[in-house]
Amino acid sequence: MASLAWLLIPLLAAVGAGLWAGWANRNRKSGRTGDNTELHGYAAFREAMEKSHSRSDTPA
């Protein structure tokens, strides 16, 4: 019986790891995750920074 318990420990760990991996890689519905959103945010940031620099370059 003790050997059965030692065999169940890695089996339960593997099942738990599989469940966690599935949960961690799930598709999120919010649209606020992923590289695409990050890149759009960075592009907006760069555009805003370029606008602020172009205004300060003109003589007052």
PDB file of N, CA and C in Angstrom:
ATOM      1  N   MET A   1       0.818  -1.197   0.000  1.00  0.00           N
ATOM      2  CA  MET A   1       0.000   0.000   0.000  1.00  0.00           C
ATOM      3  C   MET A   1       0.861   1.260   0.000  1.00  0.00           C
ATOM      4  N   ALA A   2       1.989   1.216   0.663  1.00  0.00           N
ATOM      5  CA  ALA A   2       2.867   2.386   0.709  1.00  0.00           C
ATOM      6  C   ALA A   2       3.456   2.666  -0.672  1.00  0.00           C
ATOM      7  N   SER A   3       3.753   1.604  -1.419  1.00  0.00           N
ATOM      8  CA  SER A   3       4.300   1.821  -2.766  1.00  0.00           C
ATOM      9  C   SER A   3       3.252   2.476  -3.667  1.00  0.00           C
ATOM     10  N   LEU A   4       1.980   2.160  -3.470  1.00  0.00           N
ATOM     11  CA  LEU A   4       0.914   2.783  -4.247  1.00  0.00           C
ATOM     12  C   LEU A   4       0.835   4.281  -3.941  1.00  0.00           C
ATOM     13  N   ALA A   5       1.014   4.631  -2.686  1.00  0.00           N
ATOM     14  CA  ALA A   5       1.001   6.046  -2.308  1.00  0.00           C
ATOM     15  C   ALA A   5       2.167   6.786  -2.963  1.00  0.00           C
ATOM     16  N   TRP A   6       3.345   6.164  -3.011  1.00  0.00           N
ATOM     17  CA  TRP A   6       4.505   6.800  -3.632  1.00  0.00           C
ATOM     18  C   TRP A   6       4.337   6.934  -5.142  1.00  0.00           C
ATOM     19  N   LEU A   7       3.569   6.040  -5.747  1.00  0.00           N
ATOM     20  CA  LEU A   7       3.299   6.165  -7.173  1.00  0.00           C
ATOM     21  C   LEU A   7       2.231   7.222  -7.463  1.00  0.00           C
ATOM     22  N   LEU A   8       1.316   7.439  -6.523  1.00  0.00           N
ATOM     23  CA  LEU A   8       0.261   8.422  -6.726  1.00  0.00           C
ATOM     24  C   LEU A   8       0.765   9.863  -6.574  1.00  0.00           C
ATOM     25  N   ILE A   9       1.802  10.072  -5.780  1.00  0.00           N
ATOM     26  CA  ILE A   9       2.319  11.427  -5.573  1.00  0.00           C
ATOM     27  C   ILE A   9       2.791  12.046  -6.892  1.00  0.00           C
ATOM     28  N   PRO A  10       3.655  11.401  -7.671  1.00  0.00           N
ATOM     29  CA  PRO A  10       4.049  12.014  -8.946  1.00  0.00           C
ATOM     30  C   PRO A  10       2.890  12.112  -9.944  1.00  0.00           C
ATOM     31  N   LEU A  11       1.978  11.153  -9.898  1.00  0.00           N
ATOM     32  CA  LEU A  11       0.828  11.199 -10.789  1.00  0.00           C
ATOM     33  C   LEU A  11      -0.036  12.415 -10.479  1.00  0.00           C
ATOM     34  N   LEU A  12      -0.319  12.658  -9.219  1.00  0.00           N
ATOM     35  CA  LEU A  12      -1.110  13.830  -8.839  1.00  0.00           C
ATOM     36  C   LEU A  12      -0.361  15.131  -9.149  1.00  0.00           C
ATOM     37  N   ALA A  13       0.952  15.118  -8.963  1.00  0.00           N
ATOM     38  CA  ALA A  13       1.737  16.301  -9.305  1.00  0.00           C
ATOM     39  C   ALA A  13       1.685  16.584 -10.796  1.00  0.00           C
ATOM     40  N   ALA A  14       1.744  15.555 -11.627  1.00  0.00           N
ATOM     41  CA  ALA A  14       1.676  15.731 -13.076  1.00  0.00           C
ATOM     42  C   ALA A  14       0.295  16.240 -13.495  1.00  0.00           C
ATOM     43  N   VAL A  15      -0.738  15.717 -12.894  1.00  0.00           N
ATOM     44  CA  VAL A  15      -2.094  16.182 -13.206  1.00  0.00           C
ATOM     45  C   VAL A  15      -2.251  17.639 -12.779  1.00  0.00           C
ATOM     46  N   GLY A  16      -1.749  17.968 -11.601  1.00  0.00           N
ATOM     47  CA  GLY A  16      -1.812  19.352 -11.134  1.00  0.00           C
ATOM     48  C   GLY A  16      -1.020  20.286 -12.029  1.00  0.00           C
ATOM     49  N   ALA A  17       0.149  19.866 -12.483  1.00  0.00           N
ATOM     50  CA  ALA A  17       0.956  20.687 -13.382  1.00  0.00           C
ATOM     51  C   ALA A  17       0.246  20.886 -14.716  1.00  0.00           C
ATOM     52  N   GLY A  18      -0.397  19.863 -15.210  1.00  0.00           N
ATOM     53  CA  GLY A  18      -1.143  19.984 -16.459  1.00  0.00           C
ATOM     54  C   GLY A  18      -2.320  20.940 -16.333  1.00  0.00           C
ATOM     55  N   LEU A  19      -3.028  20.861 -15.222  1.00  0.00           N
ATOM     56  CA  LEU A  19      -4.137  21.785 -14.990  1.00  0.00           C
ATOM     57  C   LEU A  19      -3.641  23.220 -14.877  1.00  0.00           C
ATOM     58  N   TRP A  20      -2.548  23.415 -14.152  1.00  0.00           N
ATOM     59  CA  TRP A  20      -1.997  24.766 -14.002  1.00  0.00           C
ATOM     60  C   TRP A  20      -1.524  25.318 -15.348  1.00  0.00           C
ATOM     61  N   ALA A  21      -0.873  24.486 -16.147  1.00  0.00           N
ATOM     62  CA  ALA A  21      -0.390  24.936 -17.458  1.00  0.00           C
ATOM     63  C   ALA A  21      -1.560  25.312 -18.360  1.00  0.00           C
ATOM     64  N   GLY A  22      -2.614  24.546 -18.314  1.00  0.00           N
ATOM     65  CA  GLY A  22      -3.798  24.885 -19.098  1.00  0.00           C
ATOM     66  C   GLY A  22      -4.425  26.182 -18.644  1.00  0.00           C
ATOM     67  N   TRP A  23      -4.473  26.407 -17.348  1.00  0.00           N
ATOM     68  CA  TRP A  23      -5.030  27.648 -16.814  1.00  0.00           C
ATOM     69  C   TRP A  23      -4.127  28.838 -17.142  1.00  0.00           C
ATOM     70  N   ALA A  24      -2.824  28.667 -17.054  1.00  0.00           N
ATOM     71  CA  ALA A  24      -1.894  29.760 -17.304  1.00  0.00           C
ATOM     72  C   ALA A  24      -1.876  30.156 -18.772  1.00  0.00           C
ATOM     73  N   ASN A  25      -2.145  29.240 -19.686  1.00  0.00           N
ATOM     74  CA  ASN A  25      -2.095  29.530 -21.118  1.00  0.00           C
ATOM     75  C   ASN A  25      -3.475  29.734 -21.725  1.00  0.00           C
ATOM     76  N   ARG A  26      -4.472  29.942 -20.902  1.00  0.00           N
ATOM     77  CA  ARG A  26      -5.820  30.099 -21.425  1.00  0.00           C
ATOM     78  C   ARG A  26      -5.927  31.408 -22.202  1.00  0.00           C
ATOM     79  N   ASN A  27      -6.895  31.466 -23.076  1.00  0.00           N
ATOM     80  CA  ASN A  27      -7.168  32.691 -23.826  1.00  0.00           C
ATOM     81  C   ASN A  27      -7.980  33.615 -22.940  1.00  0.00           C
ATOM     82  N   ARG A  28      -7.448  34.782 -22.713  1.00  0.00           N
ATOM     83  CA  ARG A  28      -8.166  35.749 -21.891  1.00  0.00           C
ATOM     84  C   ARG A  28      -9.071  36.573 -22.799  1.00  0.00           C
ATOM     85  N   LYS A  29     -10.259  36.838 -22.324  1.00  0.00           N
ATOM     86  CA  LYS A  29     -11.256  37.518 -23.131  1.00  0.00           C
ATOM     87  C   LYS A  29     -11.154  39.038 -23.018  1.00  0.00           C
ATOM     88  N   SER A  30     -10.364  39.551 -22.089  1.00  0.00           N
ATOM     89  CA  SER A  30     -10.364  40.991 -21.846  1.00  0.00           C
ATOM     90  C   SER A  30      -9.694  41.781 -22.954  1.00  0.00           C
ATOM     91  N   GLY A  31      -8.785  41.181 -23.697  1.00  0.00           N
ATOM     92  CA  GLY A  31      -8.092  41.899 -24.750  1.00  0.00           C
ATOM     93  C   GLY A  31      -6.977  42.790 -24.227  1.00  0.00           C
ATOM     94  N   ARG A  32      -6.686  42.750 -22.956  1.00  0.00           N
ATOM     95  CA  ARG A  32      -5.662  43.597 -22.365  1.00  0.00           C
ATOM     96  C   ARG A  32      -4.350  42.846 -22.186  1.00  0.00           C
ATOM     97  N   THR A  33      -4.215  41.694 -22.800  1.00  0.00           N
ATOM     98  CA  THR A  33      -2.992  40.919 -22.659  1.00  0.00           C
ATOM     99  C   THR A  33      -2.417  40.624 -24.023  1.00  0.00           C
ATOM    100  N   GLY A  34      -1.194  40.252 -24.046  1.00  0.00           N
ATOM    101  CA  GLY A  34      -0.575  39.848 -25.296  1.00  0.00           C
ATOM    102  C   GLY A  34       0.336  40.912 -25.854  1.00  0.00           C
ATOM    103  N   ASP A  35       1.180  40.487 -26.767  1.00  0.00           N
ATOM    104  CA  ASP A  35       2.157  41.389 -27.348  1.00  0.00           C
ATOM    105  C   ASP A  35       1.512  42.446 -28.225  1.00  0.00           C
ATOM    106  N   ASN A  36       0.410  42.127 -28.869  1.00  0.00           N
ATOM    107  CA  ASN A  36      -0.230  43.077 -29.763  1.00  0.00           C
ATOM    108  C   ASN A  36      -0.672  44.325 -29.003  1.00  0.00           C
ATOM    109  N   THR A  37      -1.296  44.150 -27.865  1.00  0.00           N
ATOM    110  CA  THR A  37      -1.729  45.279 -27.056  1.00  0.00           C
ATOM    111  C   THR A  37      -0.535  46.059 -26.541  1.00  0.00           C
ATOM    112  N   GLU A  38       0.493  45.345 -26.130  1.00  0.00           N
ATOM    113  CA  GLU A  38       1.697  46.015 -25.639  1.00  0.00           C
ATOM    114  C   GLU A  38       2.331  46.861 -26.734  1.00  0.00           C
ATOM    115  N   LEU A  39       2.398  46.335 -27.946  1.00  0.00           N
ATOM    116  CA  LEU A  39       3.013  47.080 -29.040  1.00  0.00           C
ATOM    117  C   LEU A  39       2.191  48.301 -29.423  1.00  0.00           C
ATOM    118  N   HIS A  40       0.879  48.203 -29.386  1.00  0.00           N
ATOM    119  CA  HIS A  40       0.045  49.360 -29.692  1.00  0.00           C
ATOM    120  C   HIS A  40       0.217  50.441 -28.622  1.00  0.00           C
ATOM    121  N   GLY A  41       0.316  50.016 -27.378  1.00  0.00           N
ATOM    122  CA  GLY A  41       0.543  50.979 -26.298  1.00  0.00           C
ATOM    123  C   GLY A  41       1.886  51.666 -26.430  1.00  0.00           C
ATOM    124  N   TYR A  42       2.895  50.935 -26.810  1.00  0.00           N
ATOM    125  CA  TYR A  42       4.225  51.513 -26.992  1.00  0.00           C
ATOM    126  C   TYR A  42       4.236  52.473 -28.174  1.00  0.00           C
ATOM    127  N   ALA A  43       3.529  52.115 -29.242  1.00  0.00           N
ATOM    128  CA  ALA A  43       3.463  53.011 -30.404  1.00  0.00           C
ATOM    129  C   ALA A  43       2.759  54.314 -30.029  1.00  0.00           C
ATOM    130  N   ALA A  44       1.708  54.232 -29.242  1.00  0.00           N
ATOM    131  CA  ALA A  44       1.015  55.444 -28.801  1.00  0.00           C
ATOM    132  C   ALA A  44       1.920  56.284 -27.913  1.00  0.00           C
ATOM    133  N   PHE A  45       2.698  55.645 -27.064  1.00  0.00           N
ATOM    134  CA  PHE A  45       3.640  56.357 -26.205  1.00  0.00           C
ATOM    135  C   PHE A  45       4.684  57.081 -27.034  1.00  0.00           C
ATOM    136  N   ARG A  46       5.247  56.397 -28.018  1.00  0.00           N
ATOM    137  CA  ARG A  46       6.265  57.031 -28.872  1.00  0.00           C
ATOM    138  C   ARG A  46       5.682  58.202 -29.641  1.00  0.00           C
ATOM    139  N   GLU A  47       4.465  58.034 -30.141  1.00  0.00           N
ATOM    140  CA  GLU A  47       3.825  59.119 -30.880  1.00  0.00           C
ATOM    141  C   GLU A  47       3.619  60.338 -29.981  1.00  0.00           C
ATOM    142  N   ALA A  48       3.189  60.097 -28.755  1.00  0.00           N
ATOM    143  CA  ALA A  48       2.994  61.206 -27.824  1.00  0.00           C
ATOM    144  C   ALA A  48       4.317  61.882 -27.485  1.00  0.00           C
ATOM    145  N   MET A  49       5.371  61.111 -27.340  1.00  0.00           N
ATOM    146  CA  MET A  49       6.673  61.697 -27.032  1.00  0.00           C
ATOM    147  C   MET A  49       7.203  62.499 -28.215  1.00  0.00           C
ATOM    148  N   GLU A  50       6.981  62.018 -29.419  1.00  0.00           N
ATOM    149  CA  GLU A  50       7.437  62.756 -30.599  1.00  0.00           C
ATOM    150  C   GLU A  50       6.686  64.071 -30.744  1.00  0.00           C
ATOM    151  N   LYS A  51       5.408  64.085 -30.422  1.00  0.00           N
ATOM    152  CA  LYS A  51       4.628  65.320 -30.487  1.00  0.00           C
ATOM    153  C   LYS A  51       5.140  66.334 -29.472  1.00  0.00           C
ATOM    154  N   SER A  52       5.448  65.870 -28.272  1.00  0.00           N
ATOM    155  CA  SER A  52       5.916  66.803 -27.245  1.00  0.00           C
ATOM    156  C   SER A  52       7.296  67.346 -27.592  1.00  0.00           C
ATOM    157  N   HIS A  53       8.136  66.571 -28.234  1.00  0.00           N
ATOM    158  CA  HIS A  53       9.465  67.043 -28.628  1.00  0.00           C
ATOM    159  C   HIS A  53       9.385  67.976 -29.824  1.00  0.00           C
ATOM    160  N   SER A  54       8.474  67.748 -30.737  1.00  0.00           N
ATOM    161  CA  SER A  54       8.391  68.593 -31.930  1.00  0.00           C
ATOM    162  C   SER A  54       7.898  69.982 -31.562  1.00  0.00           C
ATOM    163  N   ARG A  55       7.088  70.118 -30.532  1.00  0.00           N
ATOM    164  CA  ARG A  55       6.630  71.427 -30.089  1.00  0.00           C
ATOM    165  C   ARG A  55       7.749  72.217 -29.439  1.00  0.00           C
ATOM    166  N   SER A  56       8.614  71.547 -28.688  1.00  0.00           N
ATOM    167  CA  SER A  56       9.677  72.254 -27.978  1.00  0.00           C
ATOM    168  C   SER A  56      10.818  72.651 -28.912  1.00  0.00           C
ATOM    169  N   ASP A  57      10.876  72.087 -30.118  1.00  0.00           N
ATOM    170  CA  ASP A  57      11.937  72.433 -31.057  1.00  0.00           C
ATOM    171  C   ASP A  57      11.676  73.755 -31.764  1.00  0.00           C
ATOM    172  N   THR A  58      10.425  74.180 -31.816  1.00  0.00           N
ATOM    173  CA  THR A  58      10.118  75.427 -32.506  1.00  0.00           C
ATOM    174  C   THR A  58      10.474  76.611 -31.622  1.00  0.00           C
ATOM    175  N   PRO A  59      11.042  77.675 -32.201  1.00  0.00           N
ATOM    176  CA  PRO A  59      11.402  78.840 -31.390  1.00  0.00           C
ATOM    177  C   PRO A  59      10.159  79.549 -30.870  1.00  0.00           C
ATOM    178  N   ALA A  60      10.233  80.059 -29.659  1.00  0.00           N
ATOM    179  CA  ALA A  60       9.076  80.699 -29.029  1.00  0.00           C
ATOM    180  C   ALA A  60       9.015  82.180 -29.275  1.00  0.00           C
TER     181      ALA A  60
END
